[in-house]
Amino acid sequence: MKIAILGTKGIPATWGGIERHVEELATRFVQMGHEVTVYCRPYYTSIDDEFYKGIHLKKLPTIKSKNYDAITHTFLATLHLLFKDYDIVHYHAIGPATMACLPRLVGKKTVATVHGLDWQREKWGRRARTYLKFGERAAVRFPHSTIAVSRFLKDYLENKYHRPVNYIPSAVSDPVFLPPNIIRKYGLEGNDYFLFVARLVPEKGCHYLIDAFNRLDTNKKLVIAGGSSHSDDYVKKLKASAGERVIFTGYIYGDELHELYTNAYAYVQPSTIEGLPITLLEAVAYGRCIIASDIPPNLEVVKDNGIIFESKNIDDLHRALQSALDDPNRVIDLGKQAQAMGVEEYSYDSIAAKTVKLYEAVVLGHCGLINGIEVSPRESNCQVDIVDGQSAKKVS
């Protein structure tokens, strides 16, 4: 198949969970014999090569601003692909999914992935929120098939729009365990810090974490690994409120990130909004004790194997952090319990295979069999369950 992927900043992934998700899947699609094009924004994809890991990189311009970056780039990418012979056009995120109607007008098969309810994010103004709410509806109604990265999102979308939605989750790479080496430049020795990894935007809840951490009487540090995402003013406020025990690393990757995960005392996820947090999956894979807000996507991953606090409640977050400090043995046990749950469900190989099965079903115009009974397709959306590597269609 010839596959076009758009709506992301591009690859190679440097920062951003969706970008990592796309790079890992696109790489596997190529290894499976498919031709893949990823549309990229010039400021993000710095390499000049036309191909990366066998993936065709198509750079198109954008208006680099909070409100117009994604939609202008996606619009230009959509216009470009209308004249190409792609078998599948795959949109990522609800804002870009508003363009999914255009390829359908010229007979192209489309898929959209919902990574989160972006209109809930605090950075957006009234007009942007209104457009993103339209994008949520568009992501379910415009493409031939819709993917949700968490069961929470699947249930939410199906209950609200009465259309079938496929559950294919985000994924996580195998952990790379490394002793503290690079991170010693921050004065870290291992087991002496809480870790937070995310873009520094309000919905990730870092301001709640810093406020709660500042109340602790401890020699441990708080490492904030992440940077601005059209949120420079917010980052300045975070740094102004942080004490000397708080370390801001900026965006980090590779061995330095592996070291931070490997040697953290506990991992903190104070998000108020998530789709399915990849960094949380990574922390689980590394066997870190999880301290997480009680929003459904976090609970979907952690279940009962972590320390849970009420979202946006600084007092309760302080309690959770203090309880972790008070009982190191429990911290170790919870990390082992979380790791023992396994993340097989979230492996990139499995998710790439499921996504290709969905593509094949959409291209063929039907989705196979359920219990040996052939099911005819709906004209709009189809839902595919993947069982033992086989695709099966559900309709309502």
Protein backbone atom coordinates (compact mmCIF):
# COMPACT_ATOMS: atom_id res chain seq x y z
CA MET A 1 0.00 0.00 0.00
CA LYS A 2 0.93 3.63 -0.46
CA ILE A 3 0.32 5.43 2.83
CA ALA A 4 0.30 9.17 3.56
CA ILE A 5 0.55 10.37 7.17
CA LEU A 6 -0.12 13.96 8.16
CA GLY A 7 -1.20 16.16 11.06
CA THR A 8 2.05 15.72 13.00
CA LYS A 9 5.08 18.00 13.12
CA GLY A 10 7.12 15.39 11.29
CA ILE A 11 9.99 12.98 11.79
CA PRO A 12 12.65 12.17 12.92
CA ALA A 13 10.94 12.64 16.27
CA THR A 14 12.74 15.00 18.60
CA TRP A 15 9.93 16.07 20.92
CA GLY A 16 6.28 15.14 21.01
CA GLY A 17 4.58 11.83 21.75
CA ILE A 18 2.56 11.78 18.53
CA GLU A 19 5.71 12.30 16.48
CA ARG A 20 7.41 9.36 18.18
CA HIS A 21 4.28 7.28 17.65
CA VAL A 22 4.25 8.10 13.93
CA GLU A 23 7.98 7.46 13.44
CA GLU A 24 7.85 4.05 15.10
CA LEU A 25 4.78 2.94 13.15
CA ALA A 26 5.92 4.36 9.81
CA THR A 27 9.27 2.60 10.17
CA ARG A 28 7.49 -0.70 10.69
CA PHE A 29 5.12 -0.08 7.78
CA VAL A 30 8.17 0.29 5.51
CA GLN A 31 9.69 -2.91 6.92
CA MET A 32 6.39 -4.65 6.07
CA GLY A 33 6.81 -3.59 2.42
CA HIS A 34 4.56 -0.51 2.25
CA GLU A 35 5.44 2.88 0.75
CA VAL A 36 5.07 5.61 3.37
CA THR A 37 5.12 9.41 3.10
CA VAL A 38 5.12 11.57 6.23
CA TYR A 39 4.32 15.25 5.73
CA CYS A 40 6.71 17.37 7.81
CA ARG A 41 7.01 20.97 8.98
CA PRO A 42 10.35 22.54 7.99
CA TYR A 43 11.17 23.97 11.43
CA TYR A 44 10.75 20.54 13.04
CA THR A 45 12.35 18.19 10.51
CA SER A 46 15.87 19.54 10.27
CA ILE A 47 17.41 16.82 8.10
CA ASP A 48 17.68 17.59 4.39
CA ASP A 49 17.43 14.02 3.15
CA GLU A 50 14.35 13.06 1.17
CA PHE A 51 14.18 9.67 2.86
CA TYR A 52 14.61 8.63 6.49
CA LYS A 53 14.60 4.92 7.41
CA GLY A 54 12.92 4.29 4.07
CA ILE A 55 10.15 6.82 4.80
CA HIS A 56 9.60 9.60 2.27
CA LEU A 57 9.72 12.98 4.00
CA LYS A 58 7.66 15.68 2.33
CA LYS A 59 8.30 19.13 3.76
CA LEU A 60 5.67 21.79 3.21
CA PRO A 61 5.48 25.31 4.70
CA THR A 62 3.37 26.34 7.66
CA ILE A 63 2.51 29.41 9.71
CA LYS A 64 4.51 28.78 12.86
CA SER A 65 2.13 30.02 15.54
CA LYS A 66 0.08 28.40 18.27
CA ASN A 67 -3.23 28.77 16.44
CA TYR A 68 -2.26 28.27 12.79
CA ASP A 69 0.72 25.90 12.75
CA ALA A 70 -1.08 22.56 12.56
CA ILE A 71 -4.04 23.54 10.43
CA THR A 72 -2.14 25.50 7.74
CA HIS A 73 0.37 22.70 7.30
CA THR A 74 -2.33 20.03 7.21
CA PHE A 75 -4.33 22.03 4.66
CA LEU A 76 -1.34 22.35 2.32
CA ALA A 77 -0.45 18.69 2.82
CA THR A 78 -4.02 17.69 2.00
CA LEU A 79 -4.02 19.74 -1.20
CA HIS A 80 -0.73 18.11 -2.18
CA LEU A 81 -1.88 14.54 -1.59
CA LEU A 82 -5.10 14.99 -3.56
CA PHE A 83 -3.03 14.59 -6.72
CA LYS A 84 -1.08 11.54 -5.50
CA ASP A 85 -2.03 7.88 -5.73
CA TYR A 86 -2.10 7.05 -2.03
CA ASP A 87 -4.16 4.05 -0.94
CA ILE A 88 -4.55 5.36 2.64
CA VAL A 89 -4.49 8.90 4.01
CA HIS A 90 -4.01 8.89 7.78
CA TYR A 91 -4.69 12.03 9.84
CA HIS A 92 -3.41 12.34 13.41
CA ALA A 93 -5.21 14.49 16.03
CA ILE A 94 -8.65 16.08 15.91
CA GLY A 95 -7.64 19.48 14.49
CA PRO A 96 -6.02 18.03 11.35
CA ALA A 97 -8.90 15.53 11.00
CA THR A 98 -11.15 18.40 9.87
CA MET A 99 -9.44 18.06 6.48
CA ALA A 100 -10.32 14.37 6.09
CA CYS A 101 -13.41 15.20 4.03
CA LEU A 102 -11.32 16.51 1.11
CA PRO A 103 -9.53 13.26 0.16
CA ARG A 104 -12.84 11.43 0.38
CA LEU A 105 -14.28 13.76 -2.26
CA VAL A 106 -11.75 12.42 -4.76
CA GLY A 107 -12.20 8.79 -3.74
CA LYS A 108 -9.28 8.31 -1.35
CA LYS A 109 -9.58 6.08 1.72
CA THR A 110 -9.04 7.96 5.00
CA VAL A 111 -8.31 7.10 8.63
CA ALA A 112 -8.01 9.42 11.63
CA THR A 113 -6.44 8.81 15.03
CA VAL A 114 -7.74 10.66 18.07
CA HIS A 115 -4.86 11.11 20.53
CA GLY A 116 -6.80 13.29 22.98
CA LEU A 117 -9.59 15.80 23.42
CA ASP A 118 -7.49 18.77 22.38
CA TRP A 119 -10.26 21.33 22.84
CA GLN A 120 -9.93 20.80 26.60
CA ARG A 121 -6.34 22.05 26.66
CA GLU A 122 -5.92 25.27 28.60
CA LYS A 123 -3.72 26.99 26.02
CA TRP A 124 -6.55 27.45 23.52
CA GLY A 125 -8.79 30.50 23.29
CA ARG A 126 -12.51 30.46 22.58
CA ARG A 127 -12.27 30.34 18.77
CA ALA A 128 -9.64 27.62 18.77
CA ARG A 129 -11.69 25.54 21.23
CA THR A 130 -14.74 25.87 19.01
CA TYR A 131 -12.79 24.69 15.99
CA LEU A 132 -11.29 21.76 17.90
CA LYS A 133 -14.73 20.69 19.11
CA PHE A 134 -15.71 20.60 15.45
CA GLY A 135 -12.52 18.59 14.88
CA GLU A 136 -13.62 16.02 17.43
CA ARG A 137 -16.85 15.47 15.51
CA ALA A 138 -15.00 15.51 12.19
CA ALA A 139 -12.54 12.85 13.38
CA VAL A 140 -15.44 10.44 13.84
CA ARG A 141 -17.64 11.42 10.89
CA PHE A 142 -15.28 12.40 8.05
CA PRO A 143 -12.84 9.46 7.71
CA HIS A 144 -13.71 5.93 6.65
CA SER A 145 -12.44 4.68 10.00
CA THR A 146 -11.47 6.24 13.33
CA ILE A 147 -8.87 5.08 15.87
CA ALA A 148 -8.80 6.02 19.57
CA VAL A 149 -5.57 5.47 21.51
CA SER A 150 -7.30 4.60 24.79
CA ARG A 151 -10.41 2.72 25.83
CA PHE A 152 -11.60 5.87 27.58
CA LEU A 153 -11.47 7.84 24.31
CA LYS A 154 -13.15 5.02 22.38
CA ASP A 155 -16.04 4.87 24.85
CA TYR A 156 -16.36 8.65 24.95
CA LEU A 157 -16.51 9.02 21.16
CA GLU A 158 -18.85 6.11 20.59
CA ASN A 159 -21.26 7.23 23.30
CA LYS A 160 -21.27 10.82 22.04
CA TYR A 161 -21.46 10.28 18.28
CA HIS A 162 -22.99 6.80 18.00
CA ARG A 163 -20.37 5.71 15.50
CA PRO A 164 -17.99 2.75 15.82
CA VAL A 165 -14.43 3.62 16.84
CA ASN A 166 -11.41 1.30 16.84
CA TYR A 167 -9.19 0.95 19.89
CA ILE A 168 -5.52 0.79 18.90
CA PRO A 169 -3.43 2.22 21.74
CA SER A 170 -0.26 4.26 21.83
CA ALA A 171 2.89 2.23 22.22
CA VAL A 172 6.18 2.09 24.07
CA SER A 173 9.66 0.90 23.11
CA ASP A 174 11.55 -1.66 25.16
CA PRO A 175 13.32 -0.01 28.12
CA VAL A 176 17.07 0.54 28.02
CA PHE A 177 18.43 0.33 31.55
CA LEU A 178 21.53 2.45 32.14
CA PRO A 179 23.45 3.44 35.27
CA PRO A 180 23.72 7.14 36.14
CA ASN A 181 26.41 8.69 34.00
CA ILE A 182 25.25 11.57 31.83
CA ILE A 183 22.76 12.72 34.48
CA ARG A 184 25.55 13.31 36.98
CA LYS A 185 25.93 16.72 35.32
CA TYR A 186 22.71 17.67 37.13
CA GLY A 187 24.11 16.48 40.46
CA LEU A 188 22.05 13.27 40.34
CA GLU A 189 23.37 9.99 41.71
CA GLY A 190 20.35 7.73 41.25
CA ASN A 191 17.26 7.11 43.41
CA ASP A 192 17.51 10.72 44.59
CA TYR A 193 14.86 12.42 42.45
CA PHE A 194 11.25 12.39 41.35
CA LEU A 195 10.85 12.47 37.56
CA PHE A 196 8.40 14.30 35.30
CA VAL A 197 8.64 13.96 31.49
CA ALA A 198 6.34 15.97 29.21
CA ARG A 199 5.87 19.10 27.17
CA LEU A 200 5.59 22.08 29.49
CA VAL A 201 2.01 23.06 28.84
CA PRO A 202 -0.69 23.69 31.49
CA GLU A 203 -2.66 20.47 30.98
CA LYS A 204 0.38 18.38 31.92
CA GLY A 205 -0.01 19.76 35.46
CA CYS A 206 3.64 20.61 36.13
CA HIS A 207 2.62 23.73 38.10
CA TYR A 208 0.66 21.56 40.52
CA LEU A 209 3.65 19.27 40.90
CA ILE A 210 6.12 22.07 41.63
CA ASP A 211 3.79 23.64 44.22
CA ALA A 212 3.31 20.29 45.97
CA PHE A 213 7.01 19.40 45.80
CA ASN A 214 8.07 22.75 47.26
CA ARG A 215 6.19 21.83 50.45
CA LEU A 216 8.24 18.67 51.01
CA ASP A 217 11.06 18.54 53.53
CA THR A 218 13.43 16.28 51.61
CA ASN A 219 16.87 16.13 50.06
CA LYS A 220 15.46 14.53 46.96
CA LYS A 221 15.15 16.61 43.82
CA LEU A 222 12.50 17.04 41.16
CA VAL A 223 13.62 16.63 37.55
CA ILE A 224 11.44 18.32 34.93
CA ALA A 225 12.36 16.87 31.52
CA GLY A 226 10.59 18.79 28.78
CA GLY A 227 10.32 22.19 27.15
CA SER A 228 8.01 24.79 25.72
CA SER A 229 5.35 24.04 23.12
CA HIS A 230 4.10 27.52 22.19
CA SER A 231 4.04 28.05 25.98
CA ASP A 232 7.04 30.26 26.79
CA ASP A 233 5.14 32.40 29.32
CA TYR A 234 3.98 29.30 31.17
CA VAL A 235 7.54 27.93 31.30
CA LYS A 236 8.80 31.23 32.74
CA LYS A 237 6.20 31.00 35.50
CA LEU A 238 7.21 27.44 36.28
CA LYS A 239 10.87 28.37 36.62
CA ALA A 240 10.01 31.40 38.74
CA SER A 241 8.03 29.25 41.20
CA ALA A 242 10.56 26.42 41.39
CA GLY A 243 13.03 26.16 44.24
CA GLU A 244 16.68 25.18 43.96
CA ARG A 245 15.81 21.48 44.28
CA VAL A 246 13.93 21.58 40.95
CA ILE A 247 16.01 20.80 37.85
CA PHE A 248 14.84 21.76 34.34
CA THR A 249 16.64 19.73 31.68
CA GLY A 250 14.77 20.89 28.57
CA TYR A 251 13.89 18.29 25.94
CA ILE A 252 16.12 15.22 26.21
CA TYR A 253 16.38 11.98 24.26
CA GLY A 254 18.39 8.80 23.91
CA ASP A 255 20.72 7.62 26.65
CA GLU A 256 20.14 10.66 28.86
CA LEU A 257 16.41 9.95 28.96
CA HIS A 258 17.05 6.24 29.50
CA GLU A 259 19.25 7.11 32.49
CA LEU A 260 16.59 9.36 33.99
CA TYR A 261 13.92 6.65 33.76
CA THR A 262 16.24 3.93 35.05
CA ASN A 263 17.40 5.79 38.15
CA ALA A 264 14.34 7.78 39.27
CA TYR A 265 12.95 7.24 42.76
CA ALA A 266 9.41 7.60 41.39
CA TYR A 267 7.65 8.95 38.32
CA VAL A 268 4.97 11.64 38.67
CA GLN A 269 2.12 12.13 36.16
CA PRO A 270 0.00 15.13 37.29
CA SER A 271 -1.84 15.61 33.97
CA THR A 272 -5.36 16.99 33.86
CA ILE A 273 -5.93 15.84 30.24
CA GLU A 274 -4.47 12.88 28.37
CA GLY A 275 -5.24 10.54 25.52
CA LEU A 276 -2.94 7.70 26.49
CA PRO A 277 0.30 9.07 28.00
CA ILE A 278 3.33 7.45 26.38
CA THR A 279 5.68 8.72 29.08
CA LEU A 280 3.56 6.94 31.68
CA LEU A 281 3.82 3.69 29.71
CA GLU A 282 7.58 4.19 29.56
CA ALA A 283 7.82 4.71 33.32
CA VAL A 284 5.83 1.51 33.88
CA ALA A 285 8.16 -0.40 31.54
CA TYR A 286 11.13 0.82 33.58
CA GLY A 287 9.53 -0.41 36.82
CA ARG A 288 9.22 3.03 38.38
CA CYS A 289 6.68 3.67 41.11
CA ILE A 290 3.91 5.73 39.53
CA ILE A 291 2.34 8.74 41.27
CA ALA A 292 -0.53 9.78 39.02
CA SER A 293 -3.62 11.98 38.89
CA ASP A 294 -6.94 10.16 38.86
CA ILE A 295 -7.98 10.97 35.29
CA PRO A 296 -9.28 7.91 33.34
CA PRO A 297 -6.35 7.51 30.87
CA ASN A 298 -3.85 7.39 33.76
CA LEU A 299 -5.96 4.87 35.68
CA GLU A 300 -6.30 2.79 32.51
CA VAL A 301 -2.52 2.28 32.53
CA VAL A 302 -1.71 2.20 36.24
CA LYS A 303 -4.82 0.43 37.56
CA ASP A 304 -4.16 -0.31 41.27
CA ASN A 305 -0.39 -0.41 40.93
CA GLY A 306 0.49 3.14 41.87
CA ILE A 307 -0.14 6.06 44.20
CA ILE A 308 -3.17 7.98 42.96
CA PHE A 309 -4.17 11.54 43.84
CA GLU A 310 -7.07 13.80 42.94
CA SER A 311 -6.40 15.76 39.75
CA LYS A 312 -5.62 19.48 40.28
CA ASN A 313 -5.57 18.97 44.09
CA ILE A 314 -2.18 20.24 45.31
CA ASP A 315 -2.83 19.09 48.88
CA ASP A 316 -3.56 15.55 47.72
CA LEU A 317 -0.54 15.54 45.41
CA HIS A 318 1.61 16.64 48.35
CA ARG A 319 0.14 13.75 50.37
CA ALA A 320 0.99 11.31 47.58
CA LEU A 321 4.59 12.54 47.30
CA GLN A 322 5.03 12.45 51.07
CA SER A 323 3.66 8.91 51.27
CA ALA A 324 6.23 7.82 48.70
CA LEU A 325 9.00 9.39 50.76
CA ASP A 326 7.73 7.80 53.96
CA ASP A 327 7.71 4.25 52.64
CA PRO A 328 10.60 3.43 50.27
CA ASN A 329 9.80 -0.29 50.38
CA ARG A 330 6.28 0.39 49.11
CA VAL A 331 7.75 2.51 46.33
CA ILE A 332 9.89 -0.44 45.22
CA ASP A 333 6.98 -2.89 45.46
CA LEU A 334 4.61 -0.66 43.47
CA GLY A 335 7.21 -0.23 40.74
CA LYS A 336 7.63 -4.00 40.48
CA GLN A 337 3.87 -4.53 40.45
CA ALA A 338 3.38 -2.00 37.67
CA GLN A 339 6.21 -3.52 35.64
CA ALA A 340 4.80 -7.01 36.17
CA MET A 341 1.53 -5.95 34.52
CA GLY A 342 3.54 -5.82 31.32
CA VAL A 343 3.19 -3.48 28.36
CA GLU A 344 2.76 -6.16 25.68
CA GLU A 345 -0.54 -4.57 24.72
CA TYR A 346 1.40 -1.41 23.94
CA SER A 347 4.18 -2.85 21.75
CA TYR A 348 4.87 -1.04 18.47
CA ASP A 349 5.08 -4.31 16.52
CA SER A 350 1.61 -5.34 17.66
CA ILE A 351 0.10 -1.92 17.07
CA ALA A 352 1.68 -1.57 13.61
CA ALA A 353 0.21 -4.95 12.61
CA LYS A 354 -3.24 -3.96 13.86
CA THR A 355 -3.10 -0.64 12.04
CA VAL A 356 -2.15 -2.30 8.75
CA LYS A 357 -5.05 -4.76 9.18
CA LEU A 358 -7.33 -1.76 9.55
CA TYR A 359 -5.84 -0.12 6.45
CA GLU A 360 -6.38 -3.28 4.45
CA ALA A 361 -10.00 -3.50 5.56
CA VAL A 362 -10.65 0.14 4.64
CA VAL A 363 -8.98 -0.22 1.24
CA LEU A 364 -11.01 -3.33 0.42
CA GLY A 365 -14.23 -1.62 1.44
CA HIS A 366 -15.13 -4.38 3.87
CA CYS A 367 -13.70 -5.61 7.14
CA GLY A 368 -13.75 -9.37 6.89
CA LEU A 369 -15.54 -11.84 9.13
CA ILE A 370 -17.01 -12.09 12.59
CA ASN A 371 -17.36 -15.69 13.78
CA GLY A 372 -17.41 -16.85 10.16
CA ILE A 373 -20.27 -14.57 9.14
CA GLU A 374 -19.48 -12.01 6.46
CA VAL A 375 -20.54 -8.46 7.31
CA SER A 376 -21.17 -5.80 4.68
CA PRO A 377 -19.56 -2.38 5.21
CA ARG A 378 -21.19 0.84 6.25
CA GLU A 379 -20.80 3.71 3.85
CA SER A 380 -19.17 5.90 6.48
CA ASN A 381 -17.20 4.37 9.32
CA CYS A 382 -16.11 0.86 10.10
CA GLN A 383 -14.78 -0.67 13.28
CA VAL A 384 -12.26 -3.47 13.09
CA ASP A 385 -11.39 -5.76 15.98
CA ILE A 386 -8.08 -7.56 15.57
CA VAL A 387 -8.17 -11.11 16.90
CA ASP A 388 -5.16 -13.42 16.43
CA GLY A 389 -3.89 -11.17 13.66
CA GLN A 390 -7.15 -11.33 11.69
CA SER A 391 -9.44 -8.43 11.02
CA ALA A 392 -13.11 -8.58 11.90
CA LYS A 393 -15.66 -5.89 11.33
CA LYS A 394 -18.27 -4.70 13.81
CA VAL A 395 -21.19 -2.57 12.72
CA SER A 396 -24.18 -1.21 14.51
